[in-house]
Amino acid sequence: MSSSSLDIELDALKHAVATALEYADKLGTSAAEVAISKQQGLSVSTRLKEVETVEFNKDGALGITVYRDGCKGSSSTSDLSPEAIRVAVKAADDIARFTSPDPFSGLADKRLMATEFRDLQLYYPQDIGADELAQLAIRAEAAAMEADPRIKNSDGASANAHTSVKVYGNSHGFLNGYCSSRYSLSCVVIGEEADGNMQRDYDYTIARKFDELWTPEAVGLKAAQKTVSRLGARKIATGHLPVLLAPEIATGLIGHLVGAISGGNLYRKSSFLLDSIGTQLFPDWFNIEEQPHLLGALASANYDSEGVATQDRRIIDAGTLQTYLLTSYAARKLGLTTTGHAGGIYNWTLGHTGQTFDELVQAMGTGLLVTEVMGQGVNMVTGDYSRGAAGFYVENGEILYPVEEITIAGNLKDMFRGVQAVAKDRDLRSSIRTGGILLSEMKIAGN
């Protein structure tokens, strides 16, 4: 979608939101909020360098929530004609008349609404067709298949181009919208040894700007290298070892912190970090910075899904928890103020200890490098952690052989306190931007 057509689309969606808010006001509601998101995308998947699927999607709906004397009603419509919008607003109002009042529901405070709207450089339209996307996927597969004779099969490659327009408004007078783009390419291949042992692995690239994607050859080559490196995997003996989490696994570890300090888990008392503000969770050198306004980053935003202004903040400072992650509803339940986290987190960047990932492998001495975890074995109430894992056994700072069919276990509080180092070469492909994380010790269940 071109910039000019997108401007027209954005104006049309703002008009639709304004229409809904105006009608909600005429019905005498206490307050209302309206959100609409429209996505358009093209996805092409290939297998063995042949196109398997081509998918085009274009969808979106307007969601309206009205509040009437503490009661809440919601409805939605994909038809943005004035009459359809009025019907949706009326339906939400009718629902609100029959629901029980909830003293904690309602809009976020007006004083917290965003008033500055920076250009965060989230939208880079690219005129790209199915043929071009197919060629990217085919090139990635070709590079992977040619990289090593042990790559015997492909589980497919996928190239994607998506744009979206989002508009939010409420009866505080807030009305704003923005556009974004996202492009990605991934490749999965299968390696096989002479004895029939097979392994699978993948690699991917993602960016706001099409030109910032890694080359298909780089993606395919890395997928092949990762797959071949896993051939000949074995179990190791049960015991306790230092564990180095690869960057993509380290993001998952920090993701458990996100869940534990999120308002929903806190007011339901289903978190192992209840009443932990000001508590030292990590070593005193450890920091996590939230940076919502990084230009072109994957998780940047001027405001959350309630219109609350986002702001730079320290999540962890000198190892100590500084804030929870609260929506307005969760904040009221807890007697606190929303932190502007309705809809998620914004570019968490971990501080590092100066070493590269390879240097952390050497520094670990003897231990386990984890490159994959499986299963859902995390208890958010107790912090107990137990997941299937695969990776590499390291001895005297050198990778000796690949490992599979083991379990790594511990408690998240101990794992957080046991962070020994964070690598400086960060993975920027998610909302959590971190390098590998070295943990002092975990229990390994193997032979």
Protein backbone atom coordinates (compact mmCIF):
# COMPACT_ATOMS: atom_id res chain seq x y z
CA MET A 1 0.00 0.00 0.00
CA SER A 2 1.46 3.37 -1.03
CA SER A 3 1.91 6.26 1.40
CA SER A 4 -0.81 8.33 -0.29
CA SER A 5 -3.41 5.55 -0.26
CA LEU A 6 -2.46 4.80 3.32
CA ASP A 7 -3.10 8.42 4.33
CA ILE A 8 -6.57 8.12 2.82
CA GLU A 9 -7.14 4.84 4.68
CA LEU A 10 -5.92 6.35 7.96
CA ASP A 11 -8.25 9.34 7.59
CA ALA A 12 -11.18 7.03 6.80
CA LEU A 13 -10.53 4.92 9.89
CA LYS A 14 -10.21 7.98 12.10
CA HIS A 15 -13.56 9.17 10.75
CA ALA A 16 -15.12 5.79 11.55
CA VAL A 17 -13.79 5.89 15.12
CA ALA A 18 -15.01 9.48 15.58
CA THR A 19 -18.45 8.45 14.28
CA ALA A 20 -18.67 5.64 16.82
CA LEU A 21 -17.61 7.88 19.71
CA GLU A 22 -20.09 10.57 18.68
CA TYR A 23 -22.97 8.11 18.58
CA ALA A 24 -21.97 6.59 21.95
CA ASP A 25 -22.09 10.09 23.42
CA LYS A 26 -25.57 10.66 21.97
CA LEU A 27 -26.77 7.47 23.67
CA GLY A 28 -25.78 8.94 27.03
CA THR A 29 -23.02 6.50 27.89
CA SER A 30 -20.62 7.36 30.69
CA ALA A 31 -17.58 6.80 28.45
CA ALA A 32 -16.52 4.92 25.34
CA GLU A 33 -13.41 3.75 23.55
CA VAL A 34 -13.01 2.52 20.00
CA ALA A 35 -10.12 0.70 18.32
CA ILE A 36 -9.69 -0.46 14.78
CA SER A 37 -6.86 -2.34 13.12
CA LYS A 38 -6.69 -3.21 9.45
CA GLN A 39 -4.02 -5.55 8.12
CA GLN A 40 -3.00 -6.39 4.60
CA GLY A 41 -0.40 -8.99 3.78
CA LEU A 42 1.08 -11.44 1.35
CA SER A 43 2.71 -14.72 2.38
CA VAL A 44 4.42 -17.23 0.10
CA SER A 45 5.70 -20.62 1.25
CA THR A 46 7.88 -23.00 -0.72
CA ARG A 47 9.14 -26.52 -0.23
CA LEU A 48 12.03 -28.07 -2.14
CA LYS A 49 12.19 -24.87 -4.18
CA GLU A 50 8.59 -25.23 -5.43
CA VAL A 51 5.83 -22.80 -4.45
CA GLU A 52 3.40 -24.49 -2.05
CA THR A 53 1.05 -21.72 -0.98
CA VAL A 54 0.36 -18.08 -1.76
CA GLU A 55 -1.88 -16.32 0.75
CA PHE A 56 -3.24 -12.80 0.53
CA ASN A 57 -5.09 -11.42 3.52
CA LYS A 58 -6.91 -8.18 4.09
CA ASP A 59 -9.00 -7.92 7.22
CA GLY A 60 -9.88 -5.71 10.11
CA ALA A 61 -12.71 -4.77 12.43
CA LEU A 62 -13.83 -1.91 14.59
CA GLY A 63 -14.21 -2.75 18.27
CA ILE A 64 -16.36 -0.54 20.51
CA THR A 65 -16.53 -0.63 24.29
CA VAL A 66 -18.99 1.55 26.19
CA TYR A 67 -19.30 2.15 29.90
CA ARG A 68 -22.57 3.00 31.63
CA ASP A 69 -22.54 3.61 35.38
CA GLY A 70 -19.72 1.13 35.93
CA CYS A 71 -21.16 -1.45 33.56
CA LYS A 72 -19.33 -2.46 30.41
CA GLY A 73 -20.48 -3.64 27.00
CA SER A 74 -18.48 -4.46 23.88
CA SER A 75 -19.22 -5.26 20.26
CA SER A 76 -17.46 -5.18 16.89
CA THR A 77 -18.13 -4.76 13.20
CA SER A 78 -16.11 -5.21 10.02
CA ASP A 79 -18.65 -3.04 8.14
CA LEU A 80 -17.56 0.58 8.55
CA SER A 81 -20.66 2.20 7.07
CA PRO A 82 -22.25 4.79 9.39
CA GLU A 83 -25.35 2.62 9.87
CA ALA A 84 -23.33 -0.50 10.74
CA ILE A 85 -21.25 1.50 13.21
CA ARG A 86 -24.41 2.82 14.89
CA VAL A 87 -25.77 -0.72 15.17
CA ALA A 88 -22.51 -1.90 16.78
CA VAL A 89 -22.47 0.99 19.27
CA LYS A 90 -26.12 0.35 20.15
CA ALA A 91 -25.36 -3.34 20.67
CA ALA A 92 -22.48 -2.50 23.03
CA ASP A 93 -24.73 -0.12 24.96
CA ASP A 94 -27.48 -2.73 25.23
CA ILE A 95 -24.98 -5.23 26.63
CA ALA A 96 -23.75 -2.66 29.16
CA ARG A 97 -27.30 -2.23 30.45
CA PHE A 98 -27.42 -5.90 31.43
CA THR A 99 -23.94 -6.47 32.87
CA SER A 100 -22.98 -6.12 36.51
CA PRO A 101 -21.08 -2.99 37.53
CA ASP A 102 -17.33 -3.30 38.01
CA PRO A 103 -15.79 -0.41 39.94
CA PHE A 104 -12.39 -1.08 38.37
CA SER A 105 -13.43 -0.86 34.72
CA GLY A 106 -13.37 2.28 32.58
CA LEU A 107 -11.02 4.40 30.54
CA ALA A 108 -7.48 5.16 31.63
CA ASP A 109 -7.08 8.55 33.36
CA LYS A 110 -7.32 11.50 30.98
CA ARG A 111 -4.14 13.08 32.36
CA LEU A 112 -2.15 10.04 31.19
CA MET A 113 -3.21 10.25 27.54
CA ALA A 114 -0.42 10.71 24.99
CA THR A 115 -0.12 14.25 23.62
CA GLU A 116 3.13 13.90 21.63
CA PHE A 117 3.18 11.72 18.55
CA ARG A 118 6.69 11.21 17.24
CA ASP A 119 7.35 9.71 13.84
CA LEU A 120 8.80 6.40 15.03
CA GLN A 121 9.58 5.32 11.45
CA LEU A 122 7.49 2.16 11.60
CA TYR A 123 6.13 2.25 8.06
CA TYR A 124 8.13 1.46 4.94
CA PRO A 125 5.82 0.48 2.08
CA GLN A 126 7.35 -1.82 -0.51
CA ASP A 127 5.73 -2.75 -3.80
CA ILE A 128 6.42 -6.47 -3.71
CA GLY A 129 4.55 -9.28 -5.41
CA ALA A 130 4.12 -13.00 -4.91
CA ASP A 131 6.76 -13.84 -7.52
CA GLU A 132 9.42 -11.79 -5.75
CA LEU A 133 8.56 -13.26 -2.35
CA ALA A 134 8.64 -16.76 -3.85
CA GLN A 135 12.12 -16.12 -5.23
CA LEU A 136 13.35 -15.04 -1.79
CA ALA A 137 12.06 -18.26 -0.23
CA ILE A 138 13.47 -20.40 -3.07
CA ARG A 139 16.88 -18.73 -2.80
CA ALA A 140 16.95 -19.38 0.95
CA GLU A 141 16.10 -23.05 0.44
CA ALA A 142 18.64 -23.38 -2.39
CA ALA A 143 21.41 -21.90 -0.24
CA ALA A 144 20.55 -24.28 2.60
CA MET A 145 20.36 -27.38 0.39
CA GLU A 146 23.69 -26.57 -1.26
CA ALA A 147 25.50 -25.72 1.96
CA ASP A 148 26.25 -29.29 3.06
CA PRO A 149 25.67 -32.76 1.56
CA ARG A 150 24.08 -33.85 4.84
CA ILE A 151 21.14 -31.49 4.25
CA LYS A 152 18.81 -34.03 2.68
CA ASN A 153 15.41 -32.37 2.82
CA SER A 154 13.58 -29.13 3.38
CA ASP A 155 10.69 -28.42 5.69
CA GLY A 156 9.98 -25.26 3.72
CA ALA A 157 10.73 -21.58 3.51
CA SER A 158 8.37 -18.66 3.92
CA ALA A 159 8.53 -15.00 2.84
CA ASN A 160 6.04 -12.47 4.16
CA ALA A 161 5.15 -8.80 3.65
CA HIS A 162 2.54 -7.16 5.87
CA THR A 163 1.28 -3.64 6.53
CA SER A 164 -1.24 -2.46 9.09
CA VAL A 165 -3.15 0.66 10.10
CA LYS A 166 -4.27 1.14 13.70
CA VAL A 167 -6.52 3.84 15.11
CA TYR A 168 -7.65 4.33 18.71
CA GLY A 169 -9.97 6.92 20.19
CA ASN A 170 -11.90 7.49 23.41
CA SER A 171 -14.29 9.94 24.97
CA HIS A 172 -11.44 11.84 26.65
CA GLY A 173 -10.96 13.41 23.22
CA PHE A 174 -8.06 11.15 22.30
CA LEU A 175 -7.97 10.13 18.63
CA ASN A 176 -4.82 8.97 16.87
CA GLY A 177 -3.59 6.38 14.43
CA TYR A 178 -0.43 5.13 12.76
CA CYS A 179 0.79 2.75 10.08
CA SER A 180 3.41 0.03 10.27
CA SER A 181 5.10 -2.53 8.07
CA ARG A 182 6.79 -5.85 8.72
CA TYR A 183 8.73 -8.17 6.42
CA SER A 184 10.14 -11.59 7.22
CA LEU A 185 11.86 -14.60 5.72
CA SER A 186 12.43 -18.02 7.30
CA CYS A 187 13.84 -21.38 6.24
CA VAL A 188 13.66 -24.85 7.87
CA VAL A 189 15.79 -27.78 6.69
CA ILE A 190 16.44 -31.39 7.68
CA GLY A 191 19.84 -33.00 7.95
CA GLU A 192 20.58 -36.72 7.94
CA GLU A 193 23.63 -38.81 8.78
CA ALA A 194 24.62 -42.09 7.18
CA ASP A 195 23.10 -44.01 10.11
CA GLY A 196 19.72 -42.40 9.50
CA ASN A 197 19.86 -39.96 12.42
CA MET A 198 17.98 -36.80 11.43
CA GLN A 199 17.80 -33.27 12.85
CA ARG A 200 15.85 -30.16 11.96
CA ASP A 201 16.61 -26.49 12.57
CA TYR A 202 15.78 -23.09 11.11
CA ASP A 203 16.73 -19.47 10.86
CA TYR A 204 14.82 -16.29 10.11
CA THR A 205 15.06 -12.55 9.58
CA ILE A 206 12.48 -9.86 10.31
CA ALA A 207 12.47 -6.08 9.81
CA ARG A 208 10.25 -3.03 9.41
CA LYS A 209 12.11 -2.12 6.21
CA PHE A 210 12.32 -4.65 3.39
CA ASP A 211 15.89 -3.67 2.53
CA GLU A 212 17.02 -4.46 6.07
CA LEU A 213 16.20 -8.16 5.83
CA TRP A 214 19.19 -10.49 5.76
CA THR A 215 19.88 -11.95 2.34
CA PRO A 216 18.09 -15.23 1.54
CA GLU A 217 21.50 -16.86 1.17
CA ALA A 218 22.48 -15.82 4.69
CA VAL A 219 19.23 -17.19 6.13
CA GLY A 220 19.55 -20.49 4.25
CA LEU A 221 23.22 -20.95 5.12
CA LYS A 222 22.60 -20.30 8.83
CA ALA A 223 19.65 -22.73 8.85
CA ALA A 224 21.86 -25.40 7.28
CA GLN A 225 24.76 -24.78 9.67
CA LYS A 226 22.49 -24.96 12.71
CA THR A 227 20.90 -28.19 11.43
CA VAL A 228 24.19 -29.94 10.63
CA SER A 229 25.67 -28.93 13.98
CA ARG A 230 22.90 -30.92 15.72
CA LEU A 231 23.63 -34.21 13.95
CA GLY A 232 24.94 -36.94 16.23
CA ALA A 233 23.20 -35.52 19.31
CA ARG A 234 23.21 -37.60 22.48
CA LYS A 235 22.14 -37.42 26.10
CA ILE A 236 24.40 -36.40 28.93
CA ALA A 237 24.56 -37.59 32.51
CA THR A 238 22.16 -36.19 35.08
CA GLY A 239 23.76 -33.53 37.26
CA HIS A 240 24.17 -29.81 37.89
CA LEU A 241 25.92 -27.62 35.33
CA PRO A 242 26.32 -23.98 34.33
CA VAL A 243 23.90 -23.19 31.49
CA LEU A 244 24.39 -20.68 28.67
CA LEU A 245 21.13 -19.70 27.00
CA ALA A 246 21.41 -18.77 23.33
CA PRO A 247 19.89 -15.31 22.64
CA GLU A 248 16.59 -16.64 21.28
CA ILE A 249 16.20 -18.76 24.44
CA ALA A 250 17.35 -15.91 26.69
CA THR A 251 14.42 -13.83 25.42
CA GLY A 252 12.12 -16.56 26.72
CA LEU A 253 13.70 -16.40 30.17
CA ILE A 254 13.06 -12.65 30.33
CA GLY A 255 9.58 -13.31 28.93
CA HIS A 256 8.81 -15.19 32.15
CA LEU A 257 9.74 -12.03 34.06
CA VAL A 258 7.25 -10.12 31.89
CA GLY A 259 4.50 -12.57 32.85
CA ALA A 260 5.37 -12.50 36.53
CA ILE A 261 5.19 -8.71 36.85
CA SER A 262 2.11 -8.23 34.64
CA GLY A 263 -0.93 -6.83 36.38
CA GLY A 264 -3.32 -9.65 35.49
CA ASN A 265 -1.19 -12.26 37.24
CA LEU A 266 -0.55 -9.94 40.17
CA TYR A 267 -4.14 -9.07 41.06
CA ARG A 268 -5.12 -12.72 40.64
CA LYS A 269 -2.23 -13.58 42.98
CA SER A 270 -0.90 -16.06 40.45
CA SER A 271 2.69 -14.81 40.31
CA PHE A 272 5.85 -15.74 42.20
CA LEU A 273 6.79 -12.04 42.26
CA LEU A 274 3.93 -10.64 44.36
CA ASP A 275 4.96 -7.59 46.43
CA SER A 276 8.39 -7.49 44.80
CA ILE A 277 8.83 -3.80 43.91
CA GLY A 278 12.18 -2.75 45.34
CA THR A 279 13.31 -6.35 45.70
CA GLN A 280 16.65 -7.43 44.29
CA LEU A 281 15.90 -10.16 41.77
CA PHE A 282 19.14 -10.14 39.73
CA PRO A 283 22.83 -9.39 40.42
CA ASP A 284 23.54 -5.73 41.19
CA TRP A 285 25.12 -5.10 37.75
CA PHE A 286 22.00 -6.26 35.88
CA ASN A 287 19.73 -3.71 34.14
CA ILE A 288 16.72 -3.80 31.80
CA GLU A 289 15.76 -0.59 30.03
CA GLU A 290 12.41 -0.13 28.26
CA GLN A 291 12.70 2.14 25.20
CA PRO A 292 9.32 2.63 23.48
CA HIS A 293 10.52 5.34 21.10
CA LEU A 294 13.43 3.62 19.31
CA LEU A 295 13.16 4.53 15.64
CA GLY A 296 12.13 1.63 13.42
CA ALA A 297 12.26 -0.98 16.20
CA LEU A 298 9.84 -3.90 16.27
CA ALA A 299 8.10 -2.92 19.51
CA SER A 300 8.00 0.89 19.39
CA ALA A 301 4.85 2.90 20.13
CA ASN A 302 3.87 6.38 21.28
CA TYR A 303 0.99 5.05 23.37
CA ASP A 304 -0.52 1.78 24.53
CA SER A 305 -3.86 0.31 23.51
CA GLU A 306 -5.66 2.60 26.00
CA GLY A 307 -4.04 5.78 24.67
CA VAL A 308 -1.68 6.07 27.67
CA ALA A 309 1.64 7.67 26.73
CA THR A 310 4.58 5.27 26.74
CA GLN A 311 7.80 6.35 28.38
CA ASP A 312 11.38 5.24 28.84
CA ARG A 313 11.72 3.43 32.14
CA ARG A 314 14.07 1.15 34.02
CA ILE A 315 12.38 -2.19 34.60
CA ILE A 316 15.37 -3.59 36.49
CA ASP A 317 17.92 -1.17 37.95
CA ALA A 318 21.04 -2.54 39.63
CA GLY A 319 19.27 -5.89 39.85
CA THR A 320 16.22 -4.45 41.60
CA LEU A 321 12.65 -4.52 40.28
CA GLN A 322 11.45 -0.95 39.69
CA THR A 323 7.95 -1.35 38.27
CA TYR A 324 5.08 -3.67 37.49
CA LEU A 325 3.44 -3.76 34.03
CA LEU A 326 -0.09 -2.45 34.47
CA THR A 327 -3.17 -1.71 32.43
CA SER A 328 -5.64 0.78 33.89
CA TYR A 329 -7.89 -2.10 35.07
CA ALA A 330 -5.06 -3.99 36.78
CA ALA A 331 -3.76 -0.76 38.29
CA ARG A 332 -7.12 0.03 39.88
CA LYS A 333 -7.41 -3.52 41.23
CA LEU A 334 -3.99 -3.08 42.85
CA GLY A 335 -4.52 0.50 44.00
CA LEU A 336 -1.77 1.75 41.67
CA THR A 337 -1.43 3.81 38.48
CA THR A 338 -1.29 2.29 35.01
CA THR A 339 2.20 2.04 33.54
CA GLY A 340 0.99 2.17 29.93
CA HIS A 341 1.36 -1.54 29.24
CA ALA A 342 -2.05 -2.35 27.82
CA GLY A 343 -1.00 -4.36 24.78
CA GLY A 344 2.47 -5.49 25.80
CA ILE A 345 6.03 -4.30 26.36
CA TYR A 346 8.17 -1.92 24.33
CA ASN A 347 11.75 -2.74 23.32
CA TRP A 348 13.30 -4.13 26.47
CA THR A 349 17.08 -3.81 26.17
CA LEU A 350 19.27 -5.77 28.56
CA GLY A 351 22.56 -4.38 29.77
CA HIS A 352 25.56 -6.60 28.98
CA THR A 353 28.82 -7.55 30.66
CA GLY A 354 31.10 -6.83 27.70
CA GLN A 355 31.75 -10.32 26.32
CA THR A 356 30.62 -11.72 22.99
CA PHE A 357 28.55 -14.90 22.93
CA ASP A 358 31.58 -16.94 21.87
CA GLU A 359 33.54 -15.51 24.78
CA LEU A 360 30.79 -16.61 27.17
CA VAL A 361 31.08 -20.16 25.80
CA GLN A 362 34.77 -20.06 26.68
CA ALA A 363 34.13 -18.43 30.06
CA MET A 364 31.58 -21.09 31.02
CA GLY A 365 34.30 -23.75 31.02
CA THR A 366 32.28 -26.96 31.35
CA GLY A 367 28.52 -26.67 30.97
CA LEU A 368 25.52 -26.79 28.69
CA LEU A 369 24.76 -24.42 25.80
CA VAL A 370 20.97 -24.46 25.30
CA THR A 371 19.67 -23.62 21.83
CA GLU A 372 16.15 -25.05 22.10
CA VAL A 373 13.58 -25.55 24.84
CA MET A 374 10.33 -27.50 24.60
CA GLY A 375 7.12 -27.83 26.57
CA GLN A 376 5.24 -25.51 28.90
CA GLY A 377 6.85 -26.51 32.18
CA VAL A 378 6.84 -23.13 33.93
CA ASN A 379 4.70 -22.59 37.04
CA MET A 380 4.06 -18.84 37.27
CA VAL A 381 2.73 -19.17 40.84
CA THR A 382 5.82 -20.83 42.31
CA GLY A 383 8.46 -19.97 39.71
CA ASP A 384 9.34 -23.64 39.22
CA TYR A 385 10.91 -24.23 35.81
CA SER A 386 11.32 -27.57 34.05
CA ARG A 387 11.54 -27.87 30.26
CA GLY A 388 12.85 -30.23 27.66
CA ALA A 389 16.01 -28.92 26.05
CA ALA A 390 18.57 -29.44 23.31
CA GLY A 391 21.91 -27.82 22.66
CA PHE A 392 25.61 -28.57 23.07
CA TYR A 393 27.88 -29.94 25.75
CA VAL A 394 30.82 -27.64 26.44
CA GLU A 395 34.07 -28.68 28.10
CA ASN A 396 37.06 -26.43 28.84
CA GLY A 397 35.36 -23.65 26.90
CA GLU A 398 34.93 -25.69 23.71
CA ILE A 399 31.79 -27.19 22.21
CA LEU A 400 32.30 -30.97 22.15
CA TYR A 401 29.05 -32.45 20.81
CA PRO A 402 25.31 -31.79 20.41
CA VAL A 403 22.88 -32.82 23.16
CA GLU A 404 19.19 -33.77 23.02
CA GLU A 405 16.45 -35.47 25.06
CA ILE A 406 17.35 -33.79 28.34
CA THR A 407 15.47 -31.62 30.81
CA ILE A 408 16.73 -28.45 32.45
CA ALA A 409 15.15 -27.48 35.77
CA GLY A 410 15.34 -24.84 38.47
CA ASN A 411 13.35 -22.03 40.01
CA LEU A 412 13.07 -18.72 38.18
CA LYS A 413 14.05 -16.75 41.29
CA ASP A 414 17.27 -18.77 41.56
CA MET A 415 17.84 -18.51 37.81
CA PHE A 416 17.46 -14.72 37.91
CA ARG A 417 19.84 -14.42 40.87
CA GLY A 418 22.24 -16.83 39.17
CA VAL A 419 22.77 -14.74 36.03
CA GLN A 420 26.56 -14.58 35.60
CA ALA A 421 26.86 -12.61 32.37
CA VAL A 422 24.96 -11.23 29.37
CA ALA A 423 26.58 -11.17 25.93
CA LYS A 424 26.91 -7.87 24.11
CA ASP A 425 25.93 -9.19 20.65
CA ARG A 426 22.18 -8.77 21.03
CA ASP A 427 19.41 -10.43 19.03
CA LEU A 428 17.12 -7.58 17.91
CA ARG A 429 14.38 -9.74 16.34
CA SER A 430 11.84 -9.43 19.16
CA SER A 431 10.57 -7.00 21.78
CA ILE A 432 13.26 -8.32 24.17
CA ARG A 433 16.70 -7.30 22.93
CA THR A 434 19.39 -9.40 24.56
CA GLY A 435 22.49 -11.44 23.95
CA GLY A 436 23.08 -14.90 25.38
CA ILE A 437 22.64 -15.26 29.16
CA LEU A 438 24.98 -17.35 31.30
CA LEU A 439 23.43 -18.94 34.41
CA SER A 440 25.56 -20.21 37.27
CA GLU A 441 23.82 -23.59 37.54
CA MET A 442 20.74 -25.63 36.65
CA LYS A 443 19.75 -29.23 37.23
CA ILE A 444 20.16 -31.34 34.09
CA ALA A 445 18.13 -34.55 33.82
CA GLY A 446 19.63 -36.90 31.24
CA ASN A 447 20.97 -40.46 31.54
